[in-house]
C-alpha atoms as a PDB file:
ATOM      1  CA  MET A   1      67.149 -44.403 -54.313  1.00  0.00           C
ATOM      2  CA  GLU A   2      64.984 -47.047 -55.262  1.00  0.00           C
ATOM      3  CA  LYS A   3      62.406 -46.732 -57.810  1.00  0.00           C
ATOM      4  CA  ASP A   4      58.738 -45.887 -56.266  1.00  0.00           C
ATOM      5  CA  GLN A   5      56.890 -49.382 -57.326  1.00  0.00           C
ATOM      6  CA  LEU A   6      53.759 -48.287 -56.514  1.00  0.00           C
ATOM      7  CA  PHE A   7      54.024 -45.215 -58.918  1.00  0.00           C
ATOM      8  CA  ASN A   8      51.513 -46.369 -61.502  1.00  0.00           C
ATOM      9  CA  PHE A   9      48.554 -47.717 -58.504  1.00  0.00           C
ATOM     10  CA  ARG A  10      48.760 -44.495 -56.936  1.00  0.00           C
ATOM     11  CA  GLN A  11      46.735 -42.241 -59.126  1.00  0.00           C
ATOM     12  CA  PRO A  12      43.691 -44.541 -59.613  1.00  0.00           C
ATOM     13  CA  LEU A  13      43.523 -45.126 -56.214  1.00  0.00           C
ATOM     14  CA  VAL A  14      43.384 -42.084 -54.976  1.00  0.00           C
ATOM     15  CA  THR A  15      40.925 -41.113 -57.858  1.00  0.00           C
ATOM     16  CA  ALA A  16      38.305 -44.192 -56.716  1.00  0.00           C
ATOM     17  CA  ALA A  17      38.572 -43.375 -53.054  1.00  0.00           C
ATOM     18  CA  GLY A  18      38.232 -39.654 -53.633  1.00  0.00           C
ATOM     19  CA  ILE A  19      34.673 -40.319 -55.689  1.00  0.00           C
ATOM     20  CA  ILE A  20      33.342 -43.199 -53.166  1.00  0.00           C
ATOM     21  CA  LEU A  21      34.177 -40.920 -50.149  1.00  0.00           C
ATOM     22  CA  GLY A  22      32.428 -38.183 -51.720  1.00  0.00           C
ATOM     23  CA  PHE A  23      29.248 -40.122 -52.243  1.00  0.00           C
ATOM     24  CA  VAL A  24      29.770 -41.976 -49.010  1.00  0.00           C
ATOM     25  CA  LEU A  25      30.123 -38.783 -46.949  1.00  0.00           C
ATOM     26  CA  ASN A  26      27.110 -37.257 -49.007  1.00  0.00           C
ATOM     27  CA  PHE A  27      24.725 -39.944 -47.823  1.00  0.00           C
ATOM     28  CA  ALA A  28      26.020 -39.867 -44.151  1.00  0.00           C
ATOM     29  CA  THR A  29      24.829 -36.283 -43.813  1.00  0.00           C
ATOM     30  CA  GLU A  30      21.729 -36.820 -45.500  1.00  0.00           C
ATOM     31  CA  LEU A  31      21.435 -40.142 -43.111  1.00  0.00           C
ATOM     32  CA  VAL A  32      22.345 -37.776 -40.114  1.00  0.00           C
ATOM     33  CA  LYS A  33      19.269 -35.264 -41.182  1.00  0.00           C
ATOM     34  CA  ARG A  34      16.942 -37.306 -41.472  1.00  0.00           C
ATOM     35  CA  GLU A  35      17.248 -40.483 -39.432  1.00  0.00           C
ATOM     36  CA  SER A  36      15.913 -40.587 -35.699  1.00  0.00           C
ATOM     37  CA  LYS A  37      18.584 -41.172 -33.335  1.00  0.00           C
ATOM     38  CA  ASN A  38      17.077 -43.327 -30.906  1.00  0.00           C
ATOM     39  CA  ASP A  39      16.699 -46.166 -33.854  1.00  0.00           C
ATOM     40  CA  LEU A  40      18.704 -49.487 -33.838  1.00  0.00           C
ATOM     41  CA  ILE A  41      19.039 -49.993 -37.137  1.00  0.00           C
ATOM     42  CA  ALA A  42      19.967 -46.079 -37.705  1.00  0.00           C
ATOM     43  CA  LEU A  43      22.679 -46.538 -35.399  1.00  0.00           C
ATOM     44  CA  LEU A  44      23.553 -49.675 -37.539  1.00  0.00           C
ATOM     45  CA  ILE A  45      24.183 -47.783 -40.855  1.00  0.00           C
ATOM     46  CA  ILE A  46      25.827 -45.208 -39.058  1.00  0.00           C
ATOM     47  CA  LEU A  47      28.758 -47.660 -37.736  1.00  0.00           C
ATOM     48  CA  PHE A  48      28.627 -49.278 -41.487  1.00  0.00           C
ATOM     49  CA  THR A  49      29.153 -45.980 -42.576  1.00  0.00           C
ATOM     50  CA  LEU A  50      31.821 -44.821 -40.109  1.00  0.00           C
ATOM     51  CA  SER A  51      33.340 -48.037 -40.417  1.00  0.00           C
ATOM     52  CA  GLY A  52      34.052 -47.906 -44.321  1.00  0.00           C
ATOM     53  CA  ILE A  53      34.994 -44.044 -44.430  1.00  0.00           C
ATOM     54  CA  THR A  54      37.541 -44.708 -41.632  1.00  0.00           C
ATOM     55  CA  PHE A  55      38.997 -47.499 -44.131  1.00  0.00           C
ATOM     56  CA  LEU A  56      38.692 -45.626 -46.896  1.00  0.00           C
ATOM     57  CA  ILE A  57      40.809 -42.720 -45.330  1.00  0.00           C
ATOM     58  CA  ILE A  58      43.397 -45.425 -43.973  1.00  0.00           C
ATOM     59  CA  SER A  59      43.762 -46.523 -47.497  1.00  0.00           C
ATOM     60  CA  LEU A  60      44.138 -42.790 -48.861  1.00  0.00           C
ATOM     61  CA  TYR A  61      46.931 -42.510 -46.384  1.00  0.00           C
ATOM     62  CA  ARG A  62      48.641 -45.697 -47.107  1.00  0.00           C
ATOM     63  CA  ILE A  63      48.889 -45.013 -50.872  1.00  0.00           C
ATOM     64  CA  LEU A  64      49.942 -41.362 -50.389  1.00  0.00           C
ATOM     65  CA  ASN A  65      52.554 -42.351 -48.021  1.00  0.00           C
ATOM     66  CA  ASN A  66      56.001 -42.425 -49.855  1.00  0.00           C
ATOM     67  CA  ASP A  67      57.803 -43.709 -47.453  1.00  0.00           C
ATOM     68  CA  TYR A  68      57.220 -47.571 -47.052  1.00  0.00           C
ATOM     69  CA  ASP A  69      59.421 -50.896 -47.236  1.00  0.00           C
ATOM     70  CA  ARG A  70      60.246 -51.038 -51.272  1.00  0.00           C
ATOM     71  CA  ALA A  71      61.530 -54.241 -50.662  1.00  0.00           C
ATOM     72  CA  ASN A  72      57.978 -55.587 -49.628  1.00  0.00           C
ATOM     73  CA  ALA A  73      55.917 -52.832 -51.962  1.00  0.00           C
ATOM     74  CA  ARG A  74      53.641 -55.878 -53.542  1.00  0.00           C
ATOM     75  CA  ARG A  75      52.690 -56.694 -49.620  1.00  0.00           C
ATOM     76  CA  PHE A  76      52.420 -53.251 -48.536  1.00  0.00           C
ATOM     77  CA  TYR A  77      49.900 -52.831 -51.898  1.00  0.00           C
ATOM     78  CA  ARG A  78      47.977 -55.902 -51.133  1.00  0.00           C
ATOM     79  CA  LYS A  79      47.153 -54.751 -47.473  1.00  0.00           C
ATOM     80  CA  THR A  80      46.263 -51.378 -48.756  1.00  0.00           C
ATOM     81  CA  LEU A  81      43.712 -52.560 -51.644  1.00  0.00           C
ATOM     82  CA  ASN A  82      41.957 -55.011 -48.694  1.00  0.00           C
ATOM     83  CA  CYS A  83      41.551 -51.834 -46.681  1.00  0.00           C
ATOM     84  CA  PHE A  84      40.314 -50.015 -49.571  1.00  0.00           C
ATOM     85  CA  LEU A  85      38.033 -52.985 -50.618  1.00  0.00           C
ATOM     86  CA  ALA A  86      36.854 -52.975 -46.652  1.00  0.00           C
ATOM     87  CA  GLY A  87      35.961 -49.340 -46.820  1.00  0.00           C
ATOM     88  CA  VAL A  88      34.218 -49.958 -49.978  1.00  0.00           C
ATOM     89  CA  ILE A  89      32.127 -52.661 -48.580  1.00  0.00           C
ATOM     90  CA  LEU A  90      31.016 -51.237 -45.792  1.00  0.00           C
ATOM     91  CA  SER A  91      30.234 -48.168 -46.875  1.00  0.00           C
ATOM     92  CA  PHE A  92      27.935 -49.786 -49.279  1.00  0.00           C
ATOM     93  CA  ALA A  93      26.599 -52.608 -47.058  1.00  0.00           C
ATOM     94  CA  GLY A  94      25.538 -49.392 -45.109  1.00  0.00           C
ATOM     95  CA  GLY A  95      23.782 -47.895 -47.940  1.00  0.00           C
ATOM     96  CA  VAL A  96      22.319 -51.169 -48.688  1.00  0.00           C
ATOM     97  CA  ILE A  97      21.008 -51.642 -45.105  1.00  0.00           C
ATOM     98  CA  LYS A  98      19.855 -48.227 -45.637  1.00  0.00           C
ATOM     99  CA  MET A  99      17.700 -48.955 -48.999  1.00  0.00           C
ATOM    100  CA  ILE A 100      16.163 -52.398 -46.866  1.00  0.00           C
ATOM    101  CA  HIS A 101      14.881 -50.678 -44.220  1.00  0.00           C
ATOM    102  CA  THR A 102      13.713 -47.899 -46.140  1.00  0.00           C
ATOM    103  CA  LEU A 103      11.460 -50.613 -48.397  1.00  0.00           C
ATOM    104  CA  PHE A 104      10.705 -53.298 -46.024  1.00  0.00           C
ATOM    105  CA  LEU A 105      10.872 -52.069 -42.611  1.00  0.00           C
ATOM    106  CA  SER A 106       9.573 -48.090 -42.520  1.00  0.00           C
END
């Protein structure tokens, strides 16, 4: 059996994804409690936030999945990292849209 090449990357990515997911899920629950359901901006914020959560969960699955092609570990990790970063960017984009909406459009 080949050595797990992602061993050193697994724990930091899981920790970061867990912390970010916690903040994003808290943001999402507060958003659902307060936003009107008919607002187009609220729908956009929810869309960005849910997309980000989805990408973060997919990246968690990929990094925790120990059954990957070890010969292509670099490509597998790069794709997982890109998925993680997309989740972070989309989640924070939802938060930024919410801040802009609150500051300038409310």
